Protein backbone atom coordinates (compact mmCIF):
# COMPACT_ATOMS: atom_id res chain seq x y z
CA MET A 1 2.72 8.25 22.81
CA VAL A 2 0.09 10.21 20.96
CA LYS A 3 -1.64 8.57 18.01
CA GLN A 4 -3.12 10.54 15.14
CA PRO A 5 -5.21 9.35 12.18
CA VAL A 6 -3.39 9.06 8.85
CA THR A 7 -5.26 8.30 5.62
CA VAL A 8 -3.53 6.14 2.99
CA ASN A 9 -5.53 5.25 -0.14
CA GLY A 10 -8.80 5.92 1.65
CA VAL A 11 -7.96 3.73 4.65
CA ILE A 12 -7.61 5.47 8.00
CA ARG A 13 -4.81 4.18 10.21
CA TRP A 14 -3.53 5.37 13.59
CA GLN A 15 0.13 6.36 13.64
CA GLU A 16 2.21 7.04 16.73
CA MET A 17 3.35 10.65 16.66
CA GLY A 18 5.46 10.80 19.85
CA ASP A 19 4.75 12.26 23.26
CA ALA A 20 2.52 15.33 23.20
CA ASN A 21 4.76 17.20 25.69
CA THR A 22 8.15 16.55 24.09
CA VAL A 23 9.75 18.62 21.36
CA GLN A 24 10.60 16.57 18.28
CA PRO A 25 14.16 16.91 16.94
CA GLU A 26 14.59 18.61 13.55
CA LYS A 27 15.57 15.41 11.78
CA GLU A 28 13.86 12.27 13.05
CA GLU A 29 15.48 8.88 12.75
CA HIS A 30 13.02 6.58 11.07
CA LYS A 31 12.74 2.97 12.06
CA MET A 32 13.86 0.38 9.54
CA VAL A 33 10.97 -0.83 7.42
CA VAL A 34 10.72 -4.59 6.96
CA LEU A 35 9.02 -5.13 3.63
CA ARG A 36 7.62 -8.56 4.49
CA HIS A 37 5.82 -7.01 7.50
CA GLU A 38 4.21 -4.31 5.36
CA ILE A 39 3.19 -6.82 2.68
CA GLY A 40 1.70 -9.11 5.31
CA ASP A 41 -0.21 -6.25 6.94
CA VAL A 42 -1.68 -5.16 3.60
CA LEU A 43 -2.71 -8.70 2.65
CA ARG A 44 -4.33 -9.23 6.05
CA ASP A 45 -6.15 -5.87 5.84
CA VAL A 46 -7.53 -6.70 2.39
CA ARG A 47 -8.65 -10.18 3.46
CA GLN A 48 -10.30 -8.91 6.63
CA ARG A 49 -12.06 -6.05 4.79
CA GLN A 50 -13.54 -8.71 2.50
CA GLY A 51 -14.68 -10.69 5.55
CA ARG A 52 -12.80 -13.79 4.36
CA THR A 53 -10.96 -16.37 6.41
CA LEU A 54 -7.39 -17.54 6.01
CA ARG A 55 -8.77 -20.94 5.03
CA GLU A 56 -10.85 -19.51 2.17
CA VAL A 57 -8.00 -17.46 0.75
CA SER A 58 -5.39 -20.21 1.17
CA HIS A 59 -7.66 -22.64 -0.69
CA SER A 60 -8.29 -20.17 -3.54
CA ALA A 61 -4.61 -19.25 -3.78
CA ARG A 62 -3.51 -22.91 -3.52
CA VAL A 63 -1.21 -22.06 -0.62
CA SER A 64 -1.10 -23.88 2.70
CA LEU A 65 -3.02 -22.18 5.47
CA GLY A 66 0.04 -22.13 7.73
CA TYR A 67 2.25 -20.54 5.08
CA LEU A 68 -0.33 -17.85 4.26
CA SER A 69 -0.61 -17.13 7.98
CA GLU A 70 3.17 -16.72 8.21
CA VAL A 71 3.18 -14.39 5.20
CA GLU A 72 0.45 -12.24 6.78
CA ARG A 73 2.39 -12.07 10.05
CA GLY A 74 5.55 -11.05 8.19
CA GLN A 75 7.42 -14.19 9.18
CA LYS A 76 7.95 -15.46 5.61
CA GLU A 77 9.18 -13.70 2.47
CA ALA A 78 6.64 -14.43 -0.26
CA SER A 79 7.85 -14.94 -3.83
CA SER A 80 6.37 -12.83 -6.62
CA GLU A 81 4.50 -15.91 -7.86
CA LEU A 82 3.01 -16.51 -4.44
CA LEU A 83 2.02 -12.85 -4.04
CA SER A 84 0.40 -12.95 -7.46
CA SER A 85 -1.57 -16.06 -6.50
CA ILE A 86 -2.71 -14.54 -3.19
CA CYS A 87 -3.74 -11.28 -4.87
CA ALA A 88 -5.69 -13.23 -7.51
CA ALA A 89 -7.46 -15.14 -4.73
CA LEU A 90 -8.31 -11.82 -3.08
CA ASP A 91 -9.39 -10.39 -6.45
CA VAL A 92 -7.00 -7.46 -5.98
CA PRO A 93 -4.46 -6.45 -8.62
CA LEU A 94 -0.88 -7.12 -7.52
CA SER A 95 0.00 -3.55 -8.52
CA LEU A 96 -2.65 -2.13 -6.18
CA MET A 97 -1.40 -4.23 -3.27
CA LEU A 98 2.18 -3.14 -3.97
CA ARG A 99 1.02 0.48 -4.22
CA GLU A 100 -0.47 0.24 -0.74
CA VAL A 101 2.77 -1.29 0.53
CA SER A 102 4.75 1.49 -1.17
CA ASP A 103 2.56 4.16 0.45
CA ARG A 104 3.09 2.58 3.88
CA VAL A 105 6.86 2.45 3.38
CA ALA A 106 6.91 6.08 2.23
CA LEU A 107 4.92 7.09 5.30
CA ALA A 108 7.34 5.24 7.57
CA GLU A 109 10.26 6.98 5.84
CA GLY A 110 8.61 10.36 6.25
CA VAL A 111 8.18 10.87 2.50
CA VAL A 112 5.22 13.06 1.57
CA ILE A 113 3.05 11.52 -1.14
CA PRO A 114 1.09 14.16 -3.08
CA ASP A 115 -2.58 13.43 -3.76
CA THR A 116 -2.35 15.14 -7.15
CA VAL A 117 0.23 15.70 -9.84
CA PRO A 118 2.31 18.80 -8.95
CA VAL A 119 1.57 21.83 -11.16
CA ASP A 120 5.20 22.31 -12.23
CA LEU A 121 5.37 18.68 -13.34
CA THR A 122 2.14 19.06 -15.30
CA LYS A 123 3.47 22.15 -17.08
CA GLU A 124 6.76 20.43 -17.86
CA PHE A 125 5.13 17.49 -19.63
CA SER A 126 1.84 18.92 -20.94
CA GLY A 127 3.33 20.18 -24.22
CA ASP A 128 4.70 16.78 -25.22
CA VAL A 129 1.43 14.84 -24.82
CA PRO A 130 -0.44 14.02 -28.06
CA SER A 131 -3.86 15.68 -28.15
CA HIS A 132 -5.77 12.38 -28.20
CA LEU A 133 -4.24 11.50 -24.81
CA ASN A 134 -5.44 14.78 -23.23
CA LYS A 135 -9.09 13.78 -23.72
CA PRO A 136 -11.03 12.11 -20.92
CA LEU A 137 -11.01 8.31 -21.08
CA ALA A 138 -14.70 8.13 -22.07
CA SER A 139 -14.13 10.22 -25.22
CA ALA A 140 -10.85 8.44 -26.05
CA ALA A 141 -12.74 5.18 -26.49
CA ASN A 142 -14.98 6.70 -29.21
């Protein structure tokens, strides 16, 4: 297997791209994505980037250390309340964590995520936007 770097939300990950000498079929079958695995991977990545231990985060989130460990390893399905508590303990918005998970799932499914808004979409909706919303955020606050 050949691994190539893939950047998702500024984080570089290595993704297996197949054997360098084999020809890839036109339509690849994508492996089934298990959401609890992706959520656990993202939570672990965030915690480790912060240099925090499972014990610290479990205490802040008021979750048992063993349960948090199982969530990070993708062995337990975390409720929305639990995810919210863990994200609060990590000082990361739940929406940002879910965005990272969504990007990982899209990558696994082979969906291309544009870095910018497509031009045709911008043209389609630019006429309907009130002028005060077209201003940069700094001037909108004035």
